[in-house]
Amino acid sequence: MTTLYRCKTPTDVLCACGKVARALRRDGIEFDEVRVPARKRDRPEVEDLTGQRIVPVLVHGEEVVHDSHRIVEHLEYLRGREGATLVGAPR
């Protein structure tokens, strides 16, 4: 199961959260989206996962990755890893 905690921006073009959503779709990874409140103080679930309240946060299996650059690098690593199997990802 993959979950993306992201802001409430309605498009995938204007924010770092959208960058991650586009990368997940590009890789064919099915994911659930959790739109978090705009105020950082109202994001306790994000803080519980990462120790901070900034999104995007990706929960992929047992791995939790935050920061859009790190998430995209993580996805590229998984995609490029020989023999890697991503649920729903094209081979």
PDB file of N, CA and C in Angstrom:
ATOM      1  N   MET A   1       0.842  -1.179   0.000  1.00  0.00           N
ATOM      2  CA  MET A   1       0.000   0.000   0.000  1.00  0.00           C
ATOM      3  C   MET A   1       0.882   1.235   0.000  1.00  0.00           C
ATOM      4  N   THR A   2       0.545   2.185  -0.850  1.00  0.00           N
ATOM      5  CA  THR A   2       1.286   3.431  -0.954  1.00  0.00           C
ATOM      6  C   THR A   2       0.332   4.583  -0.669  1.00  0.00           C
ATOM      7  N   THR A   3       0.764   5.503   0.186  1.00  0.00           N
ATOM      8  CA  THR A   3      -0.044   6.658   0.546  1.00  0.00           C
ATOM      9  C   THR A   3       0.784   7.924   0.404  1.00  0.00           C
ATOM     10  N   LEU A   4       0.212   8.934  -0.225  1.00  0.00           N
ATOM     11  CA  LEU A   4       0.853  10.231  -0.367  1.00  0.00           C
ATOM     12  C   LEU A   4       0.085  11.240   0.474  1.00  0.00           C
ATOM     13  N   TYR A   5       0.765  11.796   1.467  1.00  0.00           N
ATOM     14  CA  TYR A   5       0.209  12.891   2.251  1.00  0.00           C
ATOM     15  C   TYR A   5       0.609  14.168   1.530  1.00  0.00           C
ATOM     16  N   ARG A   6      -0.386  14.968   1.168  1.00  0.00           N
ATOM     17  CA  ARG A   6      -0.104  16.133   0.351  1.00  0.00           C
ATOM     18  C   ARG A   6      -0.986  17.310   0.735  1.00  0.00           C
ATOM     19  N   CYS A   7      -0.645  18.470   0.179  1.00  0.00           N
ATOM     20  CA  CYS A   7      -1.403  19.691   0.447  1.00  0.00           C
ATOM     21  C   CYS A   7      -2.741  19.664  -0.291  1.00  0.00           C
ATOM     22  N   LYS A   8      -3.529  20.689  -0.084  1.00  0.00           N
ATOM     23  CA  LYS A   8      -4.859  20.746  -0.683  1.00  0.00           C
ATOM     24  C   LYS A   8      -4.875  21.403  -2.056  1.00  0.00           C
ATOM     25  N   THR A   9      -3.716  21.728  -2.625  1.00  0.00           N
ATOM     26  CA  THR A   9      -3.671  22.334  -3.952  1.00  0.00           C
ATOM     27  C   THR A   9      -4.407  21.411  -4.930  1.00  0.00           C
ATOM     28  N   PRO A  10      -5.383  21.942  -5.675  1.00  0.00           N
ATOM     29  CA  PRO A  10      -6.234  21.092  -6.502  1.00  0.00           C
ATOM     30  C   PRO A  10      -5.596  20.579  -7.793  1.00  0.00           C
ATOM     31  N   THR A  11      -4.394  21.000  -8.099  1.00  0.00           N
ATOM     32  CA  THR A  11      -3.743  20.577  -9.334  1.00  0.00           C
ATOM     33  C   THR A  11      -2.389  19.945  -9.023  1.00  0.00           C
ATOM     34  N   ASP A  12      -1.860  19.190  -9.964  1.00  0.00           N
ATOM     35  CA  ASP A  12      -0.541  18.572  -9.776  1.00  0.00           C
ATOM     36  C   ASP A  12       0.576  19.402 -10.412  1.00  0.00           C
ATOM     37  N   VAL A  13       0.290  20.668 -10.737  1.00  0.00           N
ATOM     38  CA  VAL A  13       1.269  21.495 -11.436  1.00  0.00           C
ATOM     39  C   VAL A  13       1.905  22.536 -10.518  1.00  0.00           C
ATOM     40  N   LEU A  14       1.204  22.985  -9.500  1.00  0.00           N
ATOM     41  CA  LEU A  14       1.624  24.160  -8.747  1.00  0.00           C
ATOM     42  C   LEU A  14       2.485  23.910  -7.519  1.00  0.00           C
ATOM     43  N   CYS A  15       2.662  22.691  -7.097  1.00  0.00           N
ATOM     44  CA  CYS A  15       3.348  22.480  -5.820  1.00  0.00           C
ATOM     45  C   CYS A  15       4.224  21.227  -5.865  1.00  0.00           C
ATOM     46  N   ALA A  16       5.039  21.090  -4.840  1.00  0.00           N
ATOM     47  CA  ALA A  16       5.933  19.930  -4.730  1.00  0.00           C
ATOM     48  C   ALA A  16       5.142  18.632  -4.555  1.00  0.00           C
ATOM     49  N   CYS A  17       3.992  18.716  -3.931  1.00  0.00           N
ATOM     50  CA  CYS A  17       3.157  17.523  -3.761  1.00  0.00           C
ATOM     51  C   CYS A  17       2.707  16.982  -5.117  1.00  0.00           C
ATOM     52  N   GLY A  18       2.388  17.888  -6.025  1.00  0.00           N
ATOM     53  CA  GLY A  18       1.990  17.489  -7.370  1.00  0.00           C
ATOM     54  C   GLY A  18       3.123  16.841  -8.133  1.00  0.00           C
ATOM     55  N   LYS A  19       4.338  17.313  -7.902  1.00  0.00           N
ATOM     56  CA  LYS A  19       5.523  16.713  -8.533  1.00  0.00           C
ATOM     57  C   LYS A  19       5.626  15.234  -8.155  1.00  0.00           C
ATOM     58  N   VAL A  20       5.391  14.940  -6.887  1.00  0.00           N
ATOM     59  CA  VAL A  20       5.446  13.555  -6.411  1.00  0.00           C
ATOM     60  C   VAL A  20       4.293  12.743  -6.998  1.00  0.00           C
ATOM     61  N   ALA A  21       3.093  13.313  -7.024  1.00  0.00           N
ATOM     62  CA  ALA A  21       1.938  12.606  -7.594  1.00  0.00           C
ATOM     63  C   ALA A  21       2.196  12.266  -9.059  1.00  0.00           C
ATOM     64  N   ARG A  22       2.773  13.203  -9.809  1.00  0.00           N
ATOM     65  CA  ARG A  22       3.090  12.942 -11.221  1.00  0.00           C
ATOM     66  C   ARG A  22       4.106  11.813 -11.354  1.00  0.00           C
ATOM     67  N   ALA A  23       5.120  11.805 -10.493  1.00  0.00           N
ATOM     68  CA  ALA A  23       6.142  10.750 -10.539  1.00  0.00           C
ATOM     69  C   ALA A  23       5.531   9.386 -10.229  1.00  0.00           C
ATOM     70  N   LEU A  24       4.629   9.335  -9.268  1.00  0.00           N
ATOM     71  CA  LEU A  24       3.964   8.067  -8.933  1.00  0.00           C
ATOM     72  C   LEU A  24       3.140   7.566 -10.116  1.00  0.00           C
ATOM     73  N   ARG A  25       2.402   8.463 -10.750  1.00  0.00           N
ATOM     74  CA  ARG A  25       1.604   8.062 -11.909  1.00  0.00           C
ATOM     75  C   ARG A  25       2.492   7.626 -13.064  1.00  0.00           C
ATOM     76  N   ARG A  26       3.593   8.347 -13.284  1.00  0.00           N
ATOM     77  CA  ARG A  26       4.534   7.993 -14.348  1.00  0.00           C
ATOM     78  C   ARG A  26       5.048   6.563 -14.161  1.00  0.00           C
ATOM     79  N   ASP A  27       5.306   6.196 -12.912  1.00  0.00           N
ATOM     80  CA  ASP A  27       5.827   4.869 -12.619  1.00  0.00           C
ATOM     81  C   ASP A  27       4.733   3.818 -12.493  1.00  0.00           C
ATOM     82  N   GLY A  28       3.487   4.229 -12.649  1.00  0.00           N
ATOM     83  CA  GLY A  28       2.385   3.277 -12.593  1.00  0.00           C
ATOM     84  C   GLY A  28       2.104   2.757 -11.199  1.00  0.00           C
ATOM     85  N   ILE A  29       2.462   3.527 -10.186  1.00  0.00           N
ATOM     86  CA  ILE A  29       2.248   3.100  -8.800  1.00  0.00           C
ATOM     87  C   ILE A  29       0.895   3.619  -8.330  1.00  0.00           C
ATOM     88  N   GLU A  30       0.040   2.709  -7.947  1.00  0.00           N
ATOM     89  CA  GLU A  30      -1.256   3.097  -7.407  1.00  0.00           C
ATOM     90  C   GLU A  30      -1.050   3.614  -5.994  1.00  0.00           C
ATOM     91  N   PHE A  31      -1.745   4.702  -5.656  1.00  0.00           N
ATOM     92  CA  PHE A  31      -1.562   5.286  -4.335  1.00  0.00           C
ATOM     93  C   PHE A  31      -2.834   5.969  -3.869  1.00  0.00           C
ATOM     94  N   ASP A  32      -2.958   6.047  -2.553  1.00  0.00           N
ATOM     95  CA  ASP A  32      -4.041   6.809  -1.929  1.00  0.00           C
ATOM     96  C   ASP A  32      -3.503   8.184  -1.599  1.00  0.00           C
ATOM     97  N   GLU A  33      -4.353   9.188  -1.705  1.00  0.00           N
ATOM     98  CA  GLU A  33      -3.970  10.545  -1.345  1.00  0.00           C
ATOM     99  C   GLU A  33      -4.662  10.939  -0.055  1.00  0.00           C
ATOM    100  N   VAL A  34      -3.899  11.544   0.841  1.00  0.00           N
ATOM    101  CA  VAL A  34      -4.464  12.126   2.044  1.00  0.00           C
ATOM    102  C   VAL A  34      -4.171  13.616   1.966  1.00  0.00           C
ATOM    103  N   ARG A  35      -5.209  14.409   1.771  1.00  0.00           N
ATOM    104  CA  ARG A  35      -5.059  15.867   1.706  1.00  0.00           C
ATOM    105  C   ARG A  35      -5.052  16.393   3.135  1.00  0.00           C
ATOM    106  N   VAL A  36      -3.956  17.020   3.514  1.00  0.00           N
ATOM    107  CA  VAL A  36      -3.795  17.490   4.892  1.00  0.00           C
ATOM    108  C   VAL A  36      -4.252  18.949   5.003  1.00  0.00           C
ATOM    109  N   PRO A  37      -4.580  19.390   6.214  1.00  0.00           N
ATOM    110  CA  PRO A  37      -4.988  20.782   6.408  1.00  0.00           C
ATOM    111  C   PRO A  37      -3.874  21.765   6.005  1.00  0.00           C
ATOM    112  N   ALA A  38      -4.284  22.969   5.648  1.00  0.00           N
ATOM    113  CA  ALA A  38      -3.320  23.989   5.228  1.00  0.00           C
ATOM    114  C   ALA A  38      -2.396  24.409   6.379  1.00  0.00           C
ATOM    115  N   ARG A  39      -2.919  24.479   7.572  1.00  0.00           N
ATOM    116  CA  ARG A  39      -2.102  24.886   8.723  1.00  0.00           C
ATOM    117  C   ARG A  39      -1.255  23.719   9.211  1.00  0.00           C
ATOM    118  N   LYS A  40       0.029  23.976   9.308  1.00  0.00           N
ATOM    119  CA  LYS A  40       0.958  22.918   9.729  1.00  0.00           C
ATOM    120  C   LYS A  40       0.634  22.391  11.118  1.00  0.00           C
ATOM    121  N   ARG A  41       0.137  23.248  11.980  1.00  0.00           N
ATOM    122  CA  ARG A  41      -0.171  22.807  13.352  1.00  0.00           C
ATOM    123  C   ARG A  41      -1.298  21.779  13.382  1.00  0.00           C
ATOM    124  N   ASP A  42      -2.058  21.684  12.285  1.00  0.00           N
ATOM    125  CA  ASP A  42      -3.185  20.751  12.207  1.00  0.00           C
ATOM    126  C   ASP A  42      -2.819  19.457  11.476  1.00  0.00           C
ATOM    127  N   ARG A  43      -1.534  19.121  11.467  1.00  0.00           N
ATOM    128  CA  ARG A  43      -1.070  17.917  10.761  1.00  0.00           C
ATOM    129  C   ARG A  43      -0.366  16.920  11.697  1.00  0.00           C
ATOM    130  N   PRO A  44      -1.007  16.501  12.763  1.00  0.00           N
ATOM    131  CA  PRO A  44      -0.326  15.600  13.696  1.00  0.00           C
ATOM    132  C   PRO A  44       0.048  14.251  13.081  1.00  0.00           C
ATOM    133  N   GLU A  45      -0.746  13.762  12.102  1.00  0.00           N
ATOM    134  CA  GLU A  45      -0.427  12.473  11.490  1.00  0.00           C
ATOM    135  C   GLU A  45       0.878  12.548  10.708  1.00  0.00           C
ATOM    136  N   VAL A  46       1.154  13.694  10.096  1.00  0.00           N
ATOM    137  CA  VAL A  46       2.415  13.872   9.365  1.00  0.00           C
ATOM    138  C   VAL A  46       3.575  13.921  10.354  1.00  0.00           C
ATOM    139  N   GLU A  47       3.375  14.629  11.456  1.00  0.00           N
ATOM    140  CA  GLU A  47       4.414  14.706  12.484  1.00  0.00           C
ATOM    141  C   GLU A  47       4.692  13.333  13.094  1.00  0.00           C
ATOM    142  N   ASP A  48       3.666  12.536  13.289  1.00  0.00           N
ATOM    143  CA  ASP A  48       3.857  11.186  13.825  1.00  0.00           C
ATOM    144  C   ASP A  48       4.706  10.334  12.887  1.00  0.00           C
ATOM    145  N   LEU A  49       4.543  10.532  11.584  1.00  0.00           N
ATOM    146  CA  LEU A  49       5.289   9.742  10.603  1.00  0.00           C
ATOM    147  C   LEU A  49       6.741  10.191  10.447  1.00  0.00           C
ATOM    148  N   THR A  50       6.971  11.520  10.489  1.00  0.00           N
ATOM    149  CA  THR A  50       8.277  12.040  10.101  1.00  0.00           C
ATOM    150  C   THR A  50       8.980  12.894  11.144  1.00  0.00           C
ATOM    151  N   GLY A  51       8.277  13.311  12.164  1.00  0.00           N
ATOM    152  CA  GLY A  51       8.878  14.210  13.148  1.00  0.00           C
ATOM    153  C   GLY A  51       8.784  15.665  12.729  1.00  0.00           C
ATOM    154  N   GLN A  52       8.182  15.949  11.603  1.00  0.00           N
ATOM    155  CA  GLN A  52       7.965  17.310  11.134  1.00  0.00           C
ATOM    156  C   GLN A  52       6.578  17.379  10.501  1.00  0.00           C
ATOM    157  N   ARG A  53       6.141  18.577  10.121  1.00  0.00           N
ATOM    158  CA  ARG A  53       4.760  18.735   9.637  1.00  0.00           C
ATOM    159  C   ARG A  53       4.685  19.212   8.193  1.00  0.00           C
ATOM    160  N   ILE A  54       5.733  19.016   7.433  1.00  0.00           N
ATOM    161  CA  ILE A  54       5.784  19.490   6.057  1.00  0.00           C
ATOM    162  C   ILE A  54       5.443  18.346   5.107  1.00  0.00           C
ATOM    163  N   VAL A  55       4.655  18.645   4.085  1.00  0.00           N
ATOM    164  CA  VAL A  55       4.317  17.663   3.062  1.00  0.00           C
ATOM    165  C   VAL A  55       5.035  18.048   1.777  1.00  0.00           C
ATOM    166  N   PRO A  56       5.255  17.128   0.876  1.00  0.00           N
ATOM    167  CA  PRO A  56       4.691  15.792   0.777  1.00  0.00           C
ATOM    168  C   PRO A  56       5.445  14.762   1.629  1.00  0.00           C
ATOM    169  N   VAL A  57       4.703  13.723   1.979  1.00  0.00           N
ATOM    170  CA  VAL A  57       5.251  12.555   2.665  1.00  0.00           C
ATOM    171  C   VAL A  57       4.708  11.327   1.938  1.00  0.00           C
ATOM    172  N   LEU A  58       5.608  10.415   1.623  1.00  0.00           N
ATOM    173  CA  LEU A  58       5.213   9.172   0.950  1.00  0.00           C
ATOM    174  C   LEU A  58       5.425   8.010   1.897  1.00  0.00           C
ATOM    175  N   VAL A  59       4.378   7.209   2.069  1.00  0.00           N
ATOM    176  CA  VAL A  59       4.478   5.954   2.817  1.00  0.00           C
ATOM    177  C   VAL A  59       4.343   4.861   1.775  1.00  0.00           C
ATOM    178  N   HIS A  60       5.431   4.158   1.542  1.00  0.00           N
ATOM    179  CA  HIS A  60       5.488   3.114   0.510  1.00  0.00           C
ATOM    180  C   HIS A  60       5.894   1.825   1.202  1.00  0.00           C
ATOM    181  N   GLY A  61       4.913   0.958   1.440  1.00  0.00           N
ATOM    182  CA  GLY A  61       5.187  -0.243   2.224  1.00  0.00           C
ATOM    183  C   GLY A  61       5.531   0.167   3.649  1.00  0.00           C
ATOM    184  N   GLU A  62       6.714  -0.232   4.094  1.00  0.00           N
ATOM    185  CA  GLU A  62       7.164   0.132   5.438  1.00  0.00           C
ATOM    186  C   GLU A  62       8.062   1.359   5.435  1.00  0.00           C
ATOM    187  N   GLU A  63       8.339   1.909   4.252  1.00  0.00           N
ATOM    188  CA  GLU A  63       9.228   3.057   4.139  1.00  0.00           C
ATOM    189  C   GLU A  63       8.443   4.356   4.180  1.00  0.00           C
ATOM    190  N   VAL A  64       8.992   5.327   4.900  1.00  0.00           N
ATOM    191  CA  VAL A  64       8.413   6.667   4.968  1.00  0.00           C
ATOM    192  C   VAL A  64       9.479   7.631   4.466  1.00  0.00           C
ATOM    193  N   VAL A  65       9.141   8.382   3.425  1.00  0.00           N
ATOM    194  CA  VAL A  65      10.082   9.327   2.831  1.00  0.00           C
ATOM    195  C   VAL A  65       9.396  10.681   2.755  1.00  0.00           C
ATOM    196  N   HIS A  66      10.111  11.731   3.190  1.00  0.00           N
ATOM    197  CA  HIS A  66       9.546  13.076   3.074  1.00  0.00           C
ATOM    198  C   HIS A  66      10.490  13.958   2.278  1.00  0.00           C
ATOM    199  N   ASP A  67       9.987  15.090   1.799  1.00  0.00           N
ATOM    200  CA  ASP A  67      10.666  16.028   0.919  1.00  0.00           C
ATOM    201  C   ASP A  67      10.531  15.536  -0.524  1.00  0.00           C
ATOM    202  N   SER A  68       9.994  16.381  -1.364  1.00  0.00           N
ATOM    203  CA  SER A  68       9.690  15.974  -2.741  1.00  0.00           C
ATOM    204  C   SER A  68      10.921  15.489  -3.497  1.00  0.00           C
ATOM    205  N   HIS A  69      12.056  16.131  -3.300  1.00  0.00           N
ATOM    206  CA  HIS A  69      13.274  15.707  -4.003  1.00  0.00           C
ATOM    207  C   HIS A  69      13.692  14.303  -3.569  1.00  0.00           C
ATOM    208  N   ARG A  70      13.657  14.062  -2.268  1.00  0.00           N
ATOM    209  CA  ARG A  70      14.029  12.738  -1.759  1.00  0.00           C
ATOM    210  C   ARG A  70      13.044  11.670  -2.221  1.00  0.00           C
ATOM    211  N   ILE A  71      11.752  12.012  -2.265  1.00  0.00           N
ATOM    212  CA  ILE A  71      10.750  11.045  -2.703  1.00  0.00           C
ATOM    213  C   ILE A  71      10.973  10.675  -4.168  1.00  0.00           C
ATOM    214  N   VAL A  72      11.189  11.671  -5.026  1.00  0.00           N
ATOM    215  CA  VAL A  72      11.418  11.399  -6.449  1.00  0.00           C
ATOM    216  C   VAL A  72      12.693  10.586  -6.638  1.00  0.00           C
ATOM    217  N   GLU A  73      13.751  10.910  -5.903  1.00  0.00           N
ATOM    218  CA  GLU A  73      14.984  10.116  -5.968  1.00  0.00           C
ATOM    219  C   GLU A  73      14.729   8.686  -5.525  1.00  0.00           C
ATOM    220  N   HIS A  74      13.934   8.510  -4.485  1.00  0.00           N
ATOM    221  CA  HIS A  74      13.595   7.171  -3.992  1.00  0.00           C
ATOM    222  C   HIS A  74      12.841   6.381  -5.061  1.00  0.00           C
ATOM    223  N   LEU A  75      11.897   7.024  -5.726  1.00  0.00           N
ATOM    224  CA  LEU A  75      11.141   6.356  -6.784  1.00  0.00           C
ATOM    225  C   LEU A  75      12.044   5.993  -7.963  1.00  0.00           C
ATOM    226  N   GLU A  76      12.964   6.893  -8.314  1.00  0.00           N
ATOM    227  CA  GLU A  76      13.906   6.606  -9.399  1.00  0.00           C
ATOM    228  C   GLU A  76      14.807   5.435  -9.029  1.00  0.00           C
ATOM    229  N   TYR A  77      15.233   5.383  -7.780  1.00  0.00           N
ATOM    230  CA  TYR A  77      16.051   4.267  -7.311  1.00  0.00           C
ATOM    231  C   TYR A  77      15.277   2.955  -7.438  1.00  0.00           C
ATOM    232  N   LEU A  78      14.039   2.963  -6.979  1.00  0.00           N
ATOM    233  CA  LEU A  78      13.227   1.749  -7.057  1.00  0.00           C
ATOM    234  C   LEU A  78      12.993   1.324  -8.497  1.00  0.00           C
ATOM    235  N   ARG A  79      12.749   2.298  -9.365  1.00  0.00           N
ATOM    236  CA  ARG A  79      12.493   1.998 -10.774  1.00  0.00           C
ATOM    237  C   ARG A  79      13.745   1.453 -11.450  1.00  0.00           C
ATOM    238  N   GLY A  80      14.892   1.996 -11.109  1.00  0.00           N
ATOM    239  CA  GLY A  80      16.132   1.602 -11.760  1.00  0.00           C
ATOM    240  C   GLY A  80      16.803   0.382 -11.174  1.00  0.00           C
ATOM    241  N   ARG A  81      16.383  -0.008 -10.003  1.00  0.00           N
ATOM    242  CA  ARG A  81      17.001  -1.154  -9.333  1.00  0.00           C
ATOM    243  C   ARG A  81      16.697  -2.425 -10.121  1.00  0.00           C
ATOM    244  N   GLU A  82      17.700  -3.146 -10.469  1.00  0.00           N
ATOM    245  CA  GLU A  82      17.516  -4.360 -11.251  1.00  0.00           C
ATOM    246  C   GLU A  82      16.728  -5.385 -10.448  1.00  0.00           C
ATOM    247  N   GLY A  83      15.676  -5.867 -11.061  1.00  0.00           N
ATOM    248  CA  GLY A  83      14.858  -6.879 -10.400  1.00  0.00           C
ATOM    249  C   GLY A  83      13.850  -6.294  -9.435  1.00  0.00           C
ATOM    250  N   ALA A  84      13.754  -4.957  -9.362  1.00  0.00           N
ATOM    251  CA  ALA A  84      12.798  -4.339  -8.444  1.00  0.00           C
ATOM    252  C   ALA A  84      11.383  -4.634  -8.912  1.00  0.00           C
ATOM    253  N   THR A  85      10.511  -4.900  -7.972  1.00  0.00           N
ATOM    254  CA  THR A  85       9.119  -5.151  -8.291  1.00  0.00           C
ATOM    255  C   THR A  85       8.273  -4.127  -7.572  1.00  0.00           C
ATOM    256  N   LEU A  86       7.642  -3.264  -8.347  1.00  0.00           N
ATOM    257  CA  LEU A  86       6.715  -2.294  -7.794  1.00  0.00           C
ATOM    258  C   LEU A  86       5.311  -2.716  -8.153  1.00  0.00           C
ATOM    259  N   VAL A  87       4.432  -2.698  -7.205  1.00  0.00           N
ATOM    260  CA  VAL A  87       3.056  -3.095  -7.452  1.00  0.00           C
ATOM    261  C   VAL A  87       2.455  -2.142  -8.483  1.00  0.00           C
ATOM    262  N   GLY A  88       2.020  -2.673  -9.594  1.00  0.00           N
ATOM    263  CA  GLY A  88       1.371  -1.878 -10.620  1.00  0.00           C
ATOM    264  C   GLY A  88       2.329  -1.146 -11.539  1.00  0.00           C
ATOM    265  N   ALA A  89       3.636  -1.281 -11.330  1.00  0.00           N
ATOM    266  CA  ALA A  89       4.594  -0.534 -12.156  1.00  0.00           C
ATOM    267  C   ALA A  89       4.916  -1.309 -13.417  1.00  0.00           C
ATOM    268  N   PRO A  90       5.057  -0.588 -14.520  1.00  0.00           N
ATOM    269  CA  PRO A  90       5.442  -1.269 -15.776  1.00  0.00           C
ATOM    270  C   PRO A  90       6.878  -1.755 -15.689  1.00  0.00           C
ATOM    271  N   ARG A  91       7.162  -2.868 -16.337  1.00  0.00           N
ATOM    272  CA  ARG A  91       8.529  -3.406 -16.301  1.00  0.00           C
ATOM    273  C   ARG A  91       9.223  -3.081 -17.589  1.00  0.00           C
TER     274      ARG A  91
END
